[in-house]
Amino acid sequence: WFDKGKPKEIWDEDVQWPIGDLEAAHKIRDICRSADD
């Protein structure tokens, strides 16, 4: 468990285009919330 490596961030995940506008807006909201700290 000590050799897990760097955790993957939400913005590192590949976005499978095409996605809808609403889903893209939700993704942006999630990214901004994750980077708030």
PDB file of all heavy atoms in Angstrom:
ATOM      1  N   TRP A   1       0.807  -1.220   0.000  1.00  0.00           N
ATOM      2  CA  TRP A   1       0.000   0.000   0.000  1.00  0.00           C
ATOM      3  C   TRP A   1       0.838   1.267   0.000  1.00  0.00           C
ATOM      4  O   TRP A   1       0.334   2.338  -0.228  1.00  0.00           O
ATOM      5  CB  TRP A   1      -1.012   0.017   1.152  1.00  0.00           C
ATOM      6  CG  TRP A   1      -0.403  -0.069   2.519  1.00  0.00           C
ATOM      7  CD1 TRP A   1       0.121   0.941   3.231  1.00  0.00           C
ATOM      8  CD2 TRP A   1      -0.276  -1.232   3.314  1.00  0.00           C
ATOM      9  NE1 TRP A   1       0.582   0.507   4.430  1.00  0.00           N
ATOM     10  CE2 TRP A   1       0.341  -0.841   4.511  1.00  0.00           C
ATOM     11  CE3 TRP A   1      -0.612  -2.554   3.148  1.00  0.00           C
ATOM     12  CZ2 TRP A   1       0.633  -1.736   5.521  1.00  0.00           C
ATOM     13  CZ3 TRP A   1      -0.325  -3.423   4.165  1.00  0.00           C
ATOM     14  CH2 TRP A   1       0.293  -3.024   5.320  1.00  0.00           C
ATOM     15  N   PHE A   2       2.142   1.148   0.258  1.00  0.00           N
ATOM     16  CA  PHE A   2       2.996   2.327   0.212  1.00  0.00           C
ATOM     17  C   PHE A   2       3.449   2.656  -1.208  1.00  0.00           C
ATOM     18  O   PHE A   2       3.937   3.728  -1.476  1.00  0.00           O
ATOM     19  CB  PHE A   2       4.232   2.135   1.101  1.00  0.00           C
ATOM     20  CG  PHE A   2       3.908   2.186   2.567  1.00  0.00           C
ATOM     21  CD1 PHE A   2       4.139   1.080   3.366  1.00  0.00           C
ATOM     22  CD2 PHE A   2       3.360   3.320   3.120  1.00  0.00           C
ATOM     23  CE1 PHE A   2       3.840   1.125   4.716  1.00  0.00           C
ATOM     24  CE2 PHE A   2       3.051   3.367   4.464  1.00  0.00           C
ATOM     25  CZ  PHE A   2       3.292   2.267   5.263  1.00  0.00           C
ATOM     26  N   ASP A   3       3.286   1.743  -2.122  1.00  0.00           N
ATOM     27  CA  ASP A   3       3.762   1.936  -3.480  1.00  0.00           C
ATOM     28  C   ASP A   3       2.599   2.131  -4.457  1.00  0.00           C
ATOM     29  O   ASP A   3       2.532   1.505  -5.497  1.00  0.00           O
ATOM     30  CB  ASP A   3       4.616   0.734  -3.904  1.00  0.00           C
ATOM     31  CG  ASP A   3       5.372   1.010  -5.187  1.00  0.00           C
ATOM     32  OD1 ASP A   3       5.667   2.185  -5.462  1.00  0.00           O
ATOM     33  OD2 ASP A   3       5.656   0.044  -5.908  1.00  0.00           O
ATOM     34  N   LYS A   4       1.691   3.030  -4.088  1.00  0.00           N
ATOM     35  CA  LYS A   4       0.530   3.264  -4.947  1.00  0.00           C
ATOM     36  C   LYS A   4       0.801   4.305  -6.029  1.00  0.00           C
ATOM     37  O   LYS A   4       0.069   4.398  -6.985  1.00  0.00           O
ATOM     38  CB  LYS A   4      -0.662   3.715  -4.100  1.00  0.00           C
ATOM     39  CG  LYS A   4      -1.225   2.605  -3.257  1.00  0.00           C
ATOM     40  CD  LYS A   4      -2.479   3.050  -2.580  1.00  0.00           C
ATOM     41  CE  LYS A   4      -3.049   1.896  -1.773  1.00  0.00           C
ATOM     42  NZ  LYS A   4      -4.275   2.236  -1.114  1.00  0.00           N
ATOM     43  N   GLY A   5       1.813   5.107  -5.853  1.00  0.00           N
ATOM     44  CA  GLY A   5       2.103   6.132  -6.843  1.00  0.00           C
ATOM     45  C   GLY A   5       1.242   7.367  -6.616  1.00  0.00           C
ATOM     46  O   GLY A   5       0.489   7.482  -5.663  1.00  0.00           O
ATOM     47  N   LYS A   6       1.365   8.287  -7.524  1.00  0.00           N
ATOM     48  CA  LYS A   6       0.643   9.552  -7.442  1.00  0.00           C
ATOM     49  C   LYS A   6      -0.840   9.324  -7.759  1.00  0.00           C
ATOM     50  O   LYS A   6      -1.171   8.696  -8.764  1.00  0.00           O
ATOM     51  CB  LYS A   6       1.251  10.518  -8.447  1.00  0.00           C
ATOM     52  CG  LYS A   6       0.646  11.882  -8.457  1.00  0.00           C
ATOM     53  CD  LYS A   6       1.328  12.735  -9.508  1.00  0.00           C
ATOM     54  CE  LYS A   6       0.379  13.806  -9.952  1.00  0.00           C
ATOM     55  NZ  LYS A   6       0.836  14.536 -11.097  1.00  0.00           N
ATOM     56  N   PRO A   7      -1.743   9.861  -6.909  1.00  0.00           N
ATOM     57  CA  PRO A   7      -3.169   9.693  -7.206  1.00  0.00           C
ATOM     58  C   PRO A   7      -3.557  10.483  -8.465  1.00  0.00           C
ATOM     59  O   PRO A   7      -3.032  11.556  -8.736  1.00  0.00           O
ATOM     60  CB  PRO A   7      -3.870  10.257  -5.971  1.00  0.00           C
ATOM     61  CG  PRO A   7      -2.874  11.137  -5.318  1.00  0.00           C
ATOM     62  CD  PRO A   7      -1.513  10.609  -5.684  1.00  0.00           C
ATOM     63  N   LYS A   8      -4.472   9.938  -9.216  1.00  0.00           N
ATOM     64  CA  LYS A   8      -4.913  10.582 -10.455  1.00  0.00           C
ATOM     65  C   LYS A   8      -5.935  11.673 -10.129  1.00  0.00           C
ATOM     66  O   LYS A   8      -6.869  11.453  -9.375  1.00  0.00           O
ATOM     67  CB  LYS A   8      -5.527   9.533 -11.378  1.00  0.00           C
ATOM     68  CG  LYS A   8      -5.731  10.020 -12.774  1.00  0.00           C
ATOM     69  CD  LYS A   8      -6.098   8.888 -13.701  1.00  0.00           C
ATOM     70  CE  LYS A   8      -6.154   9.418 -15.114  1.00  0.00           C
ATOM     71  NZ  LYS A   8      -6.412   8.382 -16.076  1.00  0.00           N
ATOM     72  N   GLU A   9      -5.720  12.833 -10.699  1.00  0.00           N
ATOM     73  CA  GLU A   9      -6.618  13.966 -10.490  1.00  0.00           C
ATOM     74  C   GLU A   9      -7.761  13.897 -11.495  1.00  0.00           C
ATOM     75  O   GLU A   9      -7.638  13.288 -12.556  1.00  0.00           O
ATOM     76  CB  GLU A   9      -5.858  15.291 -10.673  1.00  0.00           C
ATOM     77  CG  GLU A   9      -4.696  15.482  -9.727  1.00  0.00           C
ATOM     78  CD  GLU A   9      -5.119  15.816  -8.301  1.00  0.00           C
ATOM     79  OE1 GLU A   9      -6.322  15.962  -8.029  1.00  0.00           O
ATOM     80  OE2 GLU A   9      -4.225  15.928  -7.460  1.00  0.00           O
ATOM     81  N   ILE A  10      -8.857  14.575 -11.194  1.00  0.00           N
ATOM     82  CA  ILE A  10     -10.035  14.554 -12.067  1.00  0.00           C
ATOM     83  C   ILE A  10      -9.727  15.187 -13.426  1.00  0.00           C
ATOM     84  O   ILE A  10     -10.263  14.780 -14.444  1.00  0.00           O
ATOM     85  CB  ILE A  10     -11.244  15.238 -11.391  1.00  0.00           C
ATOM     86  CG1 ILE A  10     -12.497  14.999 -12.209  1.00  0.00           C
ATOM     87  CG2 ILE A  10     -10.991  16.706 -11.177  1.00  0.00           C
ATOM     88  CD1 ILE A  10     -13.765  15.387 -11.510  1.00  0.00           C
ATOM     89  N   TRP A  11      -8.831  16.166 -13.460  1.00  0.00           N
ATOM     90  CA  TRP A  11      -8.522  16.825 -14.720  1.00  0.00           C
ATOM     91  C   TRP A  11      -7.518  16.024 -15.549  1.00  0.00           C
ATOM     92  O   TRP A  11      -7.279  16.349 -16.698  1.00  0.00           O
ATOM     93  CB  TRP A  11      -8.005  18.245 -14.498  1.00  0.00           C
ATOM     94  CG  TRP A  11      -6.918  18.354 -13.490  1.00  0.00           C
ATOM     95  CD1 TRP A  11      -5.585  18.176 -13.688  1.00  0.00           C
ATOM     96  CD2 TRP A  11      -7.072  18.653 -12.114  1.00  0.00           C
ATOM     97  NE1 TRP A  11      -4.903  18.342 -12.530  1.00  0.00           N
ATOM     98  CE2 TRP A  11      -5.798  18.646 -11.534  1.00  0.00           C
ATOM     99  CE3 TRP A  11      -8.169  18.927 -11.304  1.00  0.00           C
ATOM    100  CZ2 TRP A  11      -5.585  18.896 -10.189  1.00  0.00           C
ATOM    101  CZ3 TRP A  11      -7.946  19.175  -9.965  1.00  0.00           C
ATOM    102  CH2 TRP A  11      -6.682  19.166  -9.416  1.00  0.00           C
ATOM    103  N   ASP A  12      -6.941  14.979 -14.974  1.00  0.00           N
ATOM    104  CA  ASP A  12      -6.038  14.107 -15.728  1.00  0.00           C
ATOM    105  C   ASP A  12      -6.790  13.050 -16.526  1.00  0.00           C
ATOM    106  O   ASP A  12      -6.217  12.428 -17.416  1.00  0.00           O
ATOM    107  CB  ASP A  12      -5.058  13.410 -14.781  1.00  0.00           C
ATOM    108  CG  ASP A  12      -4.054  14.375 -14.177  1.00  0.00           C
ATOM    109  OD1 ASP A  12      -3.787  15.421 -14.806  1.00  0.00           O
ATOM    110  OD2 ASP A  12      -3.545  14.092 -13.083  1.00  0.00           O
ATOM    111  N   GLU A  13      -8.053  12.858 -16.198  1.00  0.00           N
ATOM    112  CA  GLU A  13      -8.852  11.856 -16.903  1.00  0.00           C
ATOM    113  C   GLU A  13      -9.158  12.337 -18.318  1.00  0.00           C
ATOM    114  O   GLU A  13      -9.447  13.508 -18.543  1.00  0.00           O
ATOM    115  CB  GLU A  13     -10.175  11.620 -16.157  1.00  0.00           C
ATOM    116  CG  GLU A  13     -10.006  11.058 -14.773  1.00  0.00           C
ATOM    117  CD  GLU A  13     -11.312  10.999 -14.010  1.00  0.00           C
ATOM    118  OE1 GLU A  13     -12.376  11.330 -14.582  1.00  0.00           O
ATOM    119  OE2 GLU A  13     -11.266  10.654 -12.821  1.00  0.00           O
ATOM    120  N   ASP A  14      -9.086  11.430 -19.253  1.00  0.00           N
ATOM    121  CA  ASP A  14      -9.401  11.773 -20.639  1.00  0.00           C
ATOM    122  C   ASP A  14     -10.901  12.001 -20.778  1.00  0.00           C
ATOM    123  O   ASP A  14     -11.708  11.237 -20.266  1.00  0.00           O
ATOM    124  CB  ASP A  14      -8.980  10.647 -21.587  1.00  0.00           C
ATOM    125  CG  ASP A  14      -7.471  10.551 -21.723  1.00  0.00           C
ATOM    126  OD1 ASP A  14      -6.800  11.586 -21.546  1.00  0.00           O
ATOM    127  OD2 ASP A  14      -6.979   9.444 -21.997  1.00  0.00           O
ATOM    128  N   VAL A  15     -11.255  13.060 -21.492  1.00  0.00           N
ATOM    129  CA  VAL A  15     -12.652  13.341 -21.785  1.00  0.00           C
ATOM    130  C   VAL A  15     -12.976  12.688 -23.122  1.00  0.00           C
ATOM    131  O   VAL A  15     -12.321  12.957 -24.127  1.00  0.00           O
ATOM    132  CB  VAL A  15     -12.911  14.864 -21.854  1.00  0.00           C
ATOM    133  CG1 VAL A  15     -14.352  15.142 -22.206  1.00  0.00           C
ATOM    134  CG2 VAL A  15     -12.534  15.535 -20.547  1.00  0.00           C
ATOM    135  N   GLN A  16     -13.947  11.825 -23.111  1.00  0.00           N
ATOM    136  CA  GLN A  16     -14.349  11.126 -24.325  1.00  0.00           C
ATOM    137  C   GLN A  16     -15.350  11.998 -25.088  1.00  0.00           C
ATOM    138  O   GLN A  16     -16.506  12.074 -24.725  1.00  0.00           O
ATOM    139  CB  GLN A  16     -14.975   9.766 -23.976  1.00  0.00           C
ATOM    140  CG  GLN A  16     -14.046   8.833 -23.238  1.00  0.00           C
ATOM    141  CD  GLN A  16     -12.810   8.489 -24.045  1.00  0.00           C
ATOM    142  OE1 GLN A  16     -12.879   8.278 -25.248  1.00  0.00           O
ATOM    143  NE2 GLN A  16     -11.665   8.443 -23.381  1.00  0.00           N
ATOM    144  N   TRP A  17     -14.848  12.682 -26.105  1.00  0.00           N
ATOM    145  CA  TRP A  17     -15.712  13.549 -26.900  1.00  0.00           C
ATOM    146  C   TRP A  17     -16.464  12.715 -27.916  1.00  0.00           C
ATOM    147  O   TRP A  17     -15.950  11.728 -28.387  1.00  0.00           O
ATOM    148  CB  TRP A  17     -14.883  14.625 -27.592  1.00  0.00           C
ATOM    149  CG  TRP A  17     -14.234  15.539 -26.618  1.00  0.00           C
ATOM    150  CD1 TRP A  17     -12.940  15.490 -26.199  1.00  0.00           C
ATOM    151  CD2 TRP A  17     -14.836  16.599 -25.887  1.00  0.00           C
ATOM    152  NE1 TRP A  17     -12.699  16.463 -25.265  1.00  0.00           N
ATOM    153  CE2 TRP A  17     -13.852  17.167 -25.056  1.00  0.00           C
ATOM    154  CE3 TRP A  17     -16.116  17.134 -25.851  1.00  0.00           C
ATOM    155  CZ2 TRP A  17     -14.101  18.230 -24.214  1.00  0.00           C
ATOM    156  CZ3 TRP A  17     -16.349  18.203 -25.008  1.00  0.00           C
ATOM    157  CH2 TRP A  17     -15.355  18.727 -24.199  1.00  0.00           C
ATOM    158  N   PRO A  18     -17.644  13.058 -28.291  1.00  0.00           N
ATOM    159  CA  PRO A  18     -18.390  14.240 -27.854  1.00  0.00           C
ATOM    160  C   PRO A  18     -19.160  13.968 -26.569  1.00  0.00           C
ATOM    161  O   PRO A  18     -19.694  12.887 -26.363  1.00  0.00           O
ATOM    162  CB  PRO A  18     -19.367  14.472 -29.004  1.00  0.00           C
ATOM    163  CG  PRO A  18     -19.612  13.112 -29.557  1.00  0.00           C
ATOM    164  CD  PRO A  18     -18.343  12.337 -29.346  1.00  0.00           C
ATOM    165  N   ILE A  19     -19.149  14.966 -25.706  1.00  0.00           N
ATOM    166  CA  ILE A  19     -19.997  14.932 -24.514  1.00  0.00           C
ATOM    167  C   ILE A  19     -20.961  16.101 -24.632  1.00  0.00           C
ATOM    168  O   ILE A  19     -20.703  17.056 -25.353  1.00  0.00           O
ATOM    169  CB  ILE A  19     -19.189  15.010 -23.195  1.00  0.00           C
ATOM    170  CG1 ILE A  19     -18.412  16.330 -23.079  1.00  0.00           C
ATOM    171  CG2 ILE A  19     -18.266  13.828 -23.053  1.00  0.00           C
ATOM    172  CD1 ILE A  19     -17.738  16.524 -21.731  1.00  0.00           C
ATOM    173  N   GLY A  20     -22.048  16.034 -23.932  1.00  0.00           N
ATOM    174  CA  GLY A  20     -23.028  17.111 -23.984  1.00  0.00           C
ATOM    175  C   GLY A  20     -22.562  18.338 -23.225  1.00  0.00           C
ATOM    176  O   GLY A  20     -21.641  18.276 -22.404  1.00  0.00           O
ATOM    177  N   ASP A  21     -23.200  19.451 -23.515  1.00  0.00           N
ATOM    178  CA  ASP A  21     -22.851  20.704 -22.841  1.00  0.00           C
ATOM    179  C   ASP A  21     -23.052  20.604 -21.337  1.00  0.00           C
ATOM    180  O   ASP A  21     -22.229  21.102 -20.567  1.00  0.00           O
ATOM    181  CB  ASP A  21     -23.699  21.853 -23.394  1.00  0.00           C
ATOM    182  CG  ASP A  21     -23.288  22.250 -24.799  1.00  0.00           C
ATOM    183  OD1 ASP A  21     -22.225  21.791 -25.267  1.00  0.00           O
ATOM    184  OD2 ASP A  21     -24.036  23.028 -25.418  1.00  0.00           O
ATOM    185  N   LEU A  22     -24.136  19.974 -20.931  1.00  0.00           N
ATOM    186  CA  LEU A  22     -24.426  19.847 -19.503  1.00  0.00           C
ATOM    187  C   LEU A  22     -23.367  19.007 -18.803  1.00  0.00           C
ATOM    188  O   LEU A  22     -22.898  19.354 -17.714  1.00  0.00           O
ATOM    189  CB  LEU A  22     -25.816  19.249 -19.307  1.00  0.00           C
ATOM    190  CG  LEU A  22     -26.488  19.514 -17.976  1.00  0.00           C
ATOM    191  CD1 LEU A  22     -26.526  20.985 -17.665  1.00  0.00           C
ATOM    192  CD2 LEU A  22     -27.897  18.957 -17.990  1.00  0.00           C
ATOM    193  N   GLU A  23     -22.978  17.923 -19.423  1.00  0.00           N
ATOM    194  CA  GLU A  23     -21.940  17.065 -18.841  1.00  0.00           C
ATOM    195  C   GLU A  23     -20.601  17.806 -18.775  1.00  0.00           C
ATOM    196  O   GLU A  23     -19.848  17.673 -17.806  1.00  0.00           O
ATOM    197  CB  GLU A  23     -21.795  15.784 -19.657  1.00  0.00           C
ATOM    198  CG  GLU A  23     -20.881  14.765 -19.010  1.00  0.00           C
ATOM    199  CD  GLU A  23     -20.807  13.469 -19.800  1.00  0.00           C
ATOM    200  OE1 GLU A  23     -21.721  13.200 -20.609  1.00  0.00           O
ATOM    201  OE2 GLU A  23     -19.832  12.739 -19.607  1.00  0.00           O
ATOM    202  N   ALA A  24     -20.295  18.600 -19.790  1.00  0.00           N
ATOM    203  CA  ALA A  24     -19.062  19.389 -19.797  1.00  0.00           C
ATOM    204  C   ALA A  24     -19.082  20.422 -18.667  1.00  0.00           C
ATOM    205  O   ALA A  24     -18.072  20.620 -17.983  1.00  0.00           O
ATOM    206  CB  ALA A  24     -18.885  20.079 -21.143  1.00  0.00           C
ATOM    207  N   ALA A  25     -20.231  21.057 -18.456  1.00  0.00           N
ATOM    208  CA  ALA A  25     -20.347  22.035 -17.369  1.00  0.00           C
ATOM    209  C   ALA A  25     -20.178  21.361 -16.008  1.00  0.00           C
ATOM    210  O   ALA A  25     -19.539  21.922 -15.103  1.00  0.00           O
ATOM    211  CB  ALA A  25     -21.693  22.745 -17.449  1.00  0.00           C
ATOM    212  N   HIS A  26     -20.726  20.166 -15.863  1.00  0.00           N
ATOM    213  CA  HIS A  26     -20.548  19.410 -14.601  1.00  0.00           C
ATOM    214  C   HIS A  26     -19.079  19.046 -14.398  1.00  0.00           C
ATOM    215  O   HIS A  26     -18.564  19.110 -13.280  1.00  0.00           O
ATOM    216  CB  HIS A  26     -21.401  18.140 -14.603  1.00  0.00           C
ATOM    217  CG  HIS A  26     -22.844  18.390 -14.347  1.00  0.00           C
ATOM    218  ND1 HIS A  26     -23.336  18.808 -13.133  1.00  0.00           N
ATOM    219  CD2 HIS A  26     -23.923  18.289 -15.168  1.00  0.00           C
ATOM    220  CE1 HIS A  26     -24.642  18.946 -13.212  1.00  0.00           C
ATOM    221  NE2 HIS A  26     -25.029  18.643 -14.442  1.00  0.00           N
ATOM    222  N   LYS A  27     -18.405  18.680 -15.460  1.00  0.00           N
ATOM    223  CA  LYS A  27     -16.981  18.330 -15.381  1.00  0.00           C
ATOM    224  C   LYS A  27     -16.170  19.549 -14.933  1.00  0.00           C
ATOM    225  O   LYS A  27     -15.286  19.431 -14.080  1.00  0.00           O
ATOM    226  CB  LYS A  27     -16.511  17.824 -16.745  1.00  0.00           C
ATOM    227  CG  LYS A  27     -15.083  17.419 -16.813  1.00  0.00           C
ATOM    228  CD  LYS A  27     -14.919  15.994 -16.446  1.00  0.00           C
ATOM    229  CE  LYS A  27     -13.493  15.556 -16.752  1.00  0.00           C
ATOM    230  NZ  LYS A  27     -13.141  14.339 -16.084  1.00  0.00           N
ATOM    231  N   ILE A  28     -16.478  20.719 -15.481  1.00  0.00           N
ATOM    232  CA  ILE A  28     -15.778  21.948 -15.099  1.00  0.00           C
ATOM    233  C   ILE A  28     -16.035  22.262 -13.629  1.00  0.00           C
ATOM    234  O   ILE A  28     -15.116  22.615 -12.891  1.00  0.00           O
ATOM    235  CB  ILE A  28     -16.202  23.122 -16.008  1.00  0.00           C
ATOM    236  CG1 ILE A  28     -15.651  22.900 -17.415  1.00  0.00           C
ATOM    237  CG2 ILE A  28     -15.733  24.455 -15.442  1.00  0.00           C
ATOM    238  CD1 ILE A  28     -16.189  23.843 -18.456  1.00  0.00           C
ATOM    239  N   ARG A  29     -17.276  22.106 -13.198  1.00  0.00           N
ATOM    240  CA  ARG A  29     -17.593  22.350 -11.793  1.00  0.00           C
ATOM    241  C   ARG A  29     -16.803  21.412 -10.884  1.00  0.00           C
ATOM    242  O   ARG A  29     -16.226  21.840  -9.883  1.00  0.00           O
ATOM    243  CB  ARG A  29     -19.086  22.181 -11.542  1.00  0.00           C
ATOM    244  CG  ARG A  29     -19.483  22.512 -10.104  1.00  0.00           C
ATOM    245  CD  ARG A  29     -20.894  22.133  -9.793  1.00  0.00           C
ATOM    246  NE  ARG A  29     -21.005  20.680  -9.906  1.00  0.00           N
ATOM    247  CZ  ARG A  29     -22.113  20.039 -10.251  1.00  0.00           C
ATOM    248  NH1 ARG A  29     -23.195  20.711 -10.558  1.00  0.00           N
ATOM    249  NH2 ARG A  29     -22.145  18.728 -10.305  1.00  0.00           N
ATOM    250  N   ASP A  30     -16.733  20.143 -11.254  1.00  0.00           N
ATOM    251  CA  ASP A  30     -15.986  19.170 -10.452  1.00  0.00           C
ATOM    252  C   ASP A  30     -14.497  19.490 -10.423  1.00  0.00           C
ATOM    253  O   ASP A  30     -13.843  19.365  -9.380  1.00  0.00           O
ATOM    254  CB  ASP A  30     -16.212  17.758 -10.988  1.00  0.00           C
ATOM    255  CG  ASP A  30     -17.640  17.276 -10.805  1.00  0.00           C
ATOM    256  OD1 ASP A  30     -18.378  17.871  -9.980  1.00  0.00           O
ATOM    257  OD2 ASP A  30     -18.033  16.311 -11.498  1.00  0.00           O
ATOM    258  N   ILE A  31     -13.956  19.907 -11.554  1.00  0.00           N
ATOM    259  CA  ILE A  31     -12.537  20.271 -11.617  1.00  0.00           C
ATOM    260  C   ILE A  31     -12.257  21.462 -10.715  1.00  0.00           C
ATOM    261  O   ILE A  31     -11.293  21.462  -9.939  1.00  0.00           O
ATOM    262  CB  ILE A  31     -12.121  20.577 -13.077  1.00  0.00           C
ATOM    263  CG1 ILE A  31     -12.078  19.289 -13.894  1.00  0.00           C
ATOM    264  CG2 ILE A  31     -10.773  21.292 -13.130  1.00  0.00           C
ATOM    265  CD1 ILE A  31     -11.894  19.500 -15.379  1.00  0.00           C
ATOM    266  N   CYS A  32     -13.100  22.485 -10.797  1.00  0.00           N
ATOM    267  CA  CYS A  32     -12.895  23.681  -9.978  1.00  0.00           C
ATOM    268  C   CYS A  32     -13.019  23.374  -8.487  1.00  0.00           C
ATOM    269  O   CYS A  32     -12.238  23.893  -7.681  1.00  0.00           O
ATOM    270  CB  CYS A  32     -13.875  24.783 -10.389  1.00  0.00           C
ATOM    271  SG  CYS A  32     -13.536  25.461 -12.027  1.00  0.00           S
ATOM    272  N   ARG A  33     -13.954  22.543  -8.124  1.00  0.00           N
ATOM    273  CA  ARG A  33     -14.098  22.161  -6.714  1.00  0.00           C
ATOM    274  C   ARG A  33     -12.896  21.365  -6.225  1.00  0.00           C
ATOM    275  O   ARG A  33     -12.461  21.526  -5.090  1.00  0.00           O
ATOM    276  CB  ARG A  33     -15.376  21.361  -6.509  1.00  0.00           C
ATOM    277  CG  ARG A  33     -16.607  22.210  -6.545  1.00  0.00           C
ATOM    278  CD  ARG A  33     -17.837  21.387  -6.261  1.00  0.00           C
ATOM    279  NE  ARG A  33     -19.022  22.217  -6.289  1.00  0.00           N
ATOM    280  CZ  ARG A  33     -20.246  21.753  -6.261  1.00  0.00           C
ATOM    281  NH1 ARG A  33     -20.461  20.447  -6.191  1.00  0.00           N
ATOM    282  NH2 ARG A  33     -21.276  22.561  -6.301  1.00  0.00           N
ATOM    283  N   SER A  34     -12.370  20.507  -7.079  1.00  0.00           N
ATOM    284  CA  SER A  34     -11.221  19.693  -6.685  1.00  0.00           C
ATOM    285  C   SER A  34      -9.961  20.529  -6.494  1.00  0.00           C
ATOM    286  O   SER A  34      -9.117  20.196  -5.676  1.00  0.00           O
ATOM    287  CB  SER A  34     -10.947  18.616  -7.740  1.00  0.00           C
ATOM    288  OG  SER A  34     -12.002  17.708  -7.803  1.00  0.00           O
ATOM    289  N   ALA A  35      -9.835  21.598  -7.251  1.00  0.00           N
ATOM    290  CA  ALA A  35      -8.633  22.431  -7.178  1.00  0.00           C
ATOM    291  C   ALA A  35      -8.774  23.606  -6.217  1.00  0.00           C
ATOM    292  O   ALA A  35      -7.821  24.369  -6.039  1.00  0.00           O
ATOM    293  CB  ALA A  35      -8.285  22.941  -8.568  1.00  0.00           C
ATOM    294  N   ASP A  36      -9.942  23.762  -5.593  1.00  0.00           N
ATOM    295  CA  ASP A  36     -10.174  24.881  -4.673  1.00  0.00           C
ATOM    296  C   ASP A  36      -9.129  24.971  -3.566  1.00  0.00           C
ATOM    297  O   ASP A  36      -8.637  26.052  -3.259  1.00  0.00           O
ATOM    298  CB  ASP A  36     -11.552  24.776  -4.021  1.00  0.00           C
ATOM    299  CG  ASP A  36     -12.600  25.579  -4.744  1.00  0.00           C
ATOM    300  OD1 ASP A  36     -12.247  26.324  -5.676  1.00  0.00           O
ATOM    301  OD2 ASP A  36     -13.781  25.463  -4.365  1.00  0.00           O
ATOM    302  N   ASP A  37      -8.796  23.842  -2.953  1.00  0.00           N
ATOM    303  CA  ASP A  37      -7.861  23.868  -1.836  1.00  0.00           C
ATOM    304  C   ASP A  37      -6.481  24.364  -2.268  1.00  0.00           C
ATOM    305  O   ASP A  37      -5.862  25.178  -1.574  1.00  0.00           O
ATOM    306  CB  ASP A  37      -7.765  22.496  -1.173  1.00  0.00           C
ATOM    307  CG  ASP A  37      -7.342  21.395  -2.128  1.00  0.00           C
ATOM    308  OD1 ASP A  37      -7.508  21.568  -3.349  1.00  0.00           O
ATOM    309  OD2 ASP A  37      -6.847  20.352  -1.647  1.00  0.00           O
TER     310      ASP A  37
END
